[in-house]
Amino acid sequence: MRAKILTQLSILFMAFMLLAPAAYAGDTDQWIARGDQDALVIGKVTSYKDGMYTVDVQNTLMGTMEEKKIKIAFPHNPNSVEPAAGDYGLFSLDEDDDHYKSAYGVYKVDSPDYRTLKIARAVEHDGIRERLQQFINSGAFMEKQKQAPAKEAAVSISTKTATAEPIKASAGMSYLPFIIVGGIALFALTAITAVLMLKRKRT
């Protein structure tokens, strides 16, 4: 009986660990849409060397980008579709000293025109890229960008009244990682309790 319960608990734990990363990764397009990065831009890659893109910025969709030529640190992933030299790309970026780094991905696109561009996909049906492309093509990012100054003002005002409010006001914060960690901890506690109860019954 004890072995059967432990086996069931192990199967449930393995299933949880497999599904949790998928849920975490599946939120990427939503983080981008919420503006959880310093800038979202379309640019043309002029070179890629030693994990560093050099990009001519064509269009800034979200955030602020004064530079017209930037460098982006991004280790190439051979299993995904990313732009090469001469390609256009959609870049979710965070500032990092004298260059930028990827915030929520680098995506190869076929055009600098946000209204008609298509995001390249490694598989035919890619929910994240499909939703992200729809968000860009529809121009919905413009409304999000209009909301950004109001959000920044709200954060600035709240810092004068309470230290907890700026954390709540950061629009890009996702609580999913905390939920996942909490779920793992709860599962582990439940498993330990079950084992202890079995030991007591045997004694």
Protein backbone atom coordinates (compact mmCIF):
# COMPACT_ATOMS: atom_id res chain seq x y z
CA MET A 1 0.00 0.00 0.00
CA ARG A 2 2.81 2.36 0.95
CA ALA A 3 4.70 1.65 -2.28
CA LYS A 4 1.56 2.29 -4.34
CA ILE A 5 0.96 5.68 -2.71
CA LEU A 6 4.59 6.71 -3.13
CA THR A 7 4.45 5.71 -6.82
CA GLN A 8 1.32 7.80 -7.36
CA LEU A 9 2.90 10.76 -5.60
CA SER A 10 6.03 10.44 -7.75
CA ILE A 11 3.96 10.39 -10.96
CA LEU A 12 2.02 13.48 -9.88
CA PHE A 13 5.22 15.29 -8.96
CA MET A 14 6.84 14.48 -12.34
CA ALA A 15 3.73 15.68 -14.19
CA PHE A 16 3.72 18.91 -12.20
CA MET A 17 7.39 19.58 -12.94
CA LEU A 18 6.82 19.01 -16.66
CA LEU A 19 3.79 21.28 -16.86
CA ALA A 20 5.13 24.12 -14.69
CA PRO A 21 7.86 25.27 -17.11
CA ALA A 22 5.39 25.16 -20.00
CA ALA A 23 3.00 27.40 -18.08
CA TYR A 24 5.84 29.74 -17.20
CA ALA A 25 7.09 29.98 -20.79
CA GLY A 26 3.57 30.29 -22.18
CA ASP A 27 3.23 33.72 -20.58
CA THR A 28 6.02 35.28 -22.67
CA ASP A 29 3.78 37.02 -25.19
CA GLN A 30 1.69 38.45 -22.35
CA TRP A 31 4.77 39.89 -20.63
CA ILE A 32 5.75 41.58 -23.88
CA ALA A 33 2.21 42.91 -24.38
CA ARG A 34 2.19 44.34 -20.85
CA GLY A 35 5.35 46.30 -21.63
CA ASP A 36 7.53 44.32 -19.23
CA GLN A 37 10.73 45.41 -20.98
CA ASP A 38 12.63 48.63 -21.59
CA ALA A 39 11.86 48.62 -25.30
CA LEU A 40 10.20 46.58 -28.04
CA VAL A 41 11.69 47.37 -31.44
CA ILE A 42 11.85 46.17 -35.03
CA GLY A 43 15.30 46.31 -36.54
CA LYS A 44 17.54 44.96 -39.28
CA VAL A 45 20.44 42.77 -38.20
CA THR A 46 23.72 43.95 -39.70
CA SER A 47 25.88 41.35 -37.96
CA TYR A 48 25.92 38.62 -35.33
CA LYS A 49 29.21 37.68 -33.70
CA ASP A 50 30.23 36.14 -30.36
CA GLY A 51 26.68 36.21 -28.99
CA MET A 52 26.15 39.87 -29.89
CA TYR A 53 23.74 41.30 -32.46
CA THR A 54 24.37 44.62 -34.17
CA VAL A 55 21.01 46.05 -35.21
CA ASP A 56 19.78 49.09 -37.13
CA VAL A 57 16.57 50.14 -35.37
CA GLN A 58 13.73 50.63 -37.86
CA ASN A 59 10.73 51.11 -35.58
CA THR A 60 10.27 51.49 -31.82
CA LEU A 61 6.93 49.96 -30.83
CA MET A 62 7.07 50.22 -27.04
CA GLY A 63 9.35 51.98 -24.60
CA THR A 64 11.94 54.54 -25.63
CA MET A 65 14.86 54.04 -28.01
CA GLU A 66 16.93 57.05 -29.01
CA GLU A 67 19.76 55.07 -30.62
CA LYS A 68 19.52 54.08 -34.28
CA LYS A 69 22.24 51.42 -34.08
CA ILE A 70 22.39 49.14 -31.05
CA LYS A 71 24.15 46.03 -29.78
CA ILE A 72 22.15 43.18 -28.23
CA ALA A 73 23.62 40.35 -26.18
CA PHE A 74 21.79 37.16 -27.12
CA PRO A 75 23.29 33.64 -27.17
CA HIS A 76 22.01 31.91 -30.32
CA ASN A 77 19.59 29.03 -29.82
CA PRO A 78 19.93 26.60 -32.76
CA ASN A 79 16.50 25.09 -32.03
CA SER A 80 14.56 28.32 -32.57
CA VAL A 81 13.98 30.71 -35.46
CA GLU A 82 16.11 33.80 -34.93
CA PRO A 83 17.25 36.50 -37.34
CA ALA A 84 20.64 36.32 -39.03
CA ALA A 85 22.64 39.09 -40.71
CA GLY A 86 20.41 40.79 -43.28
CA ASP A 87 17.16 39.69 -41.59
CA TYR A 88 14.59 41.81 -39.83
CA GLY A 89 13.86 41.01 -36.21
CA LEU A 90 11.46 41.86 -33.40
CA PHE A 91 13.45 42.47 -30.22
CA SER A 92 12.18 42.59 -26.64
CA LEU A 93 14.96 44.43 -24.82
CA ASP A 94 16.30 45.46 -21.44
CA GLU A 95 19.16 47.90 -21.01
CA ASP A 96 22.43 46.38 -19.79
CA ASP A 97 25.32 48.83 -19.28
CA ASP A 98 26.52 49.97 -22.71
CA HIS A 99 24.31 47.58 -24.71
CA TYR A 100 21.00 45.76 -24.55
CA LYS A 101 20.03 42.20 -23.71
CA SER A 102 17.00 40.11 -24.61
CA ALA A 103 14.13 40.53 -22.18
CA TYR A 104 11.54 38.14 -23.66
CA GLY A 105 13.01 36.94 -26.89
CA VAL A 106 14.36 37.73 -30.32
CA TYR A 107 12.03 36.91 -33.22
CA LYS A 108 12.75 36.78 -36.93
CA VAL A 109 10.20 38.74 -38.98
CA ASP A 110 9.80 39.27 -42.72
CA SER A 111 9.20 43.03 -42.74
CA PRO A 112 9.78 46.21 -40.70
CA ASP A 113 6.09 47.13 -41.22
CA TYR A 114 4.26 46.19 -38.02
CA ARG A 115 0.91 46.05 -39.84
CA THR A 116 1.88 43.22 -42.20
CA LEU A 117 4.95 41.52 -40.70
CA LYS A 118 4.91 37.79 -40.03
CA ILE A 119 6.90 36.17 -37.25
CA ALA A 120 8.87 33.11 -38.36
CA ARG A 121 7.97 29.87 -36.60
CA ALA A 122 9.84 26.63 -36.08
CA VAL A 123 6.52 24.75 -36.10
CA GLU A 124 3.30 25.46 -37.97
CA HIS A 125 1.21 26.13 -34.88
CA ASP A 126 3.07 28.22 -32.31
CA GLY A 127 0.60 29.84 -29.92
CA ILE A 128 3.05 32.33 -28.43
CA ARG A 129 4.19 33.67 -31.81
CA GLU A 130 0.66 33.65 -33.21
CA ARG A 131 -0.63 35.77 -30.32
CA LEU A 132 2.41 38.05 -30.43
CA GLN A 133 2.01 38.59 -34.18
CA GLN A 134 -1.66 39.45 -33.73
CA PHE A 135 -0.75 41.93 -30.98
CA ILE A 136 1.78 43.64 -33.28
CA ASN A 137 -0.29 43.56 -36.51
CA SER A 138 -3.36 45.00 -34.78
CA GLY A 139 -1.44 47.99 -33.45
CA ALA A 140 -2.59 47.17 -29.91
CA PHE A 141 0.89 48.06 -28.67
CA MET A 142 0.13 51.74 -29.36
CA GLU A 143 -2.60 51.78 -26.72
CA LYS A 144 -0.27 50.04 -24.26
CA GLN A 145 2.40 52.64 -25.00
CA LYS A 146 -0.06 55.47 -24.30
CA GLN A 147 -0.75 53.94 -20.88
CA ALA A 148 2.96 53.82 -19.99
CA PRO A 149 3.37 57.47 -18.86
CA ALA A 150 0.32 57.15 -16.60
CA LYS A 151 1.75 53.99 -15.06
CA GLU A 152 5.10 55.68 -14.43
CA ALA A 153 3.36 58.63 -12.79
CA ALA A 154 1.34 56.30 -10.58
CA VAL A 155 4.51 54.58 -9.42
CA SER A 156 6.22 57.91 -8.73
CA ILE A 157 3.32 59.18 -6.62
CA SER A 158 2.93 55.94 -4.71
CA THR A 159 6.60 55.94 -3.63
CA LYS A 160 5.89 59.03 -1.56
CA THR A 161 3.08 57.39 0.38
CA ALA A 162 3.90 53.72 0.81
CA THR A 163 6.84 51.44 0.05
CA ALA A 164 4.61 48.50 -0.93
CA GLU A 165 2.68 50.34 -3.64
CA PRO A 166 5.50 50.70 -6.22
CA ILE A 167 5.87 46.93 -6.29
CA LYS A 168 2.19 46.53 -7.07
CA ALA A 169 2.33 49.29 -9.63
CA SER A 170 5.08 47.77 -11.76
CA ALA A 171 2.94 46.68 -14.68
CA GLY A 172 5.30 43.99 -15.92
CA MET A 173 5.47 41.95 -12.74
CA SER A 174 4.16 38.41 -13.07
CA TYR A 175 3.20 36.36 -10.05
CA LEU A 176 3.30 33.07 -11.95
CA PRO A 177 6.82 32.11 -10.73
CA PHE A 178 5.71 32.56 -7.11
CA ILE A 179 2.60 30.45 -7.73
CA ILE A 180 4.72 27.67 -9.27
CA VAL A 181 7.21 27.68 -6.40
CA GLY A 182 4.37 27.73 -3.88
CA GLY A 183 2.69 24.81 -5.62
CA ILE A 184 5.90 22.77 -5.55
CA ALA A 185 6.37 23.53 -1.85
CA LEU A 186 2.76 22.56 -1.08
CA PHE A 187 3.09 19.35 -3.04
CA ALA A 188 6.29 18.42 -1.19
CA LEU A 189 4.66 19.13 2.16
CA THR A 190 1.68 16.96 1.26
CA ALA A 191 3.94 14.08 0.19
CA ILE A 192 5.97 14.26 3.42
CA THR A 193 2.78 14.31 5.50
CA ALA A 194 1.43 11.26 3.66
CA VAL A 195 4.65 9.30 4.28
CA LEU A 196 4.66 10.19 7.98
CA MET A 197 1.03 9.10 8.34
CA LEU A 198 1.86 5.75 6.72
CA LYS A 199 4.75 5.23 9.12
CA ARG A 200 2.48 5.91 12.11
CA LYS A 201 -0.09 3.41 10.86
CA ARG A 202 2.58 0.72 10.49
CA THR A 203 3.75 1.28 14.07
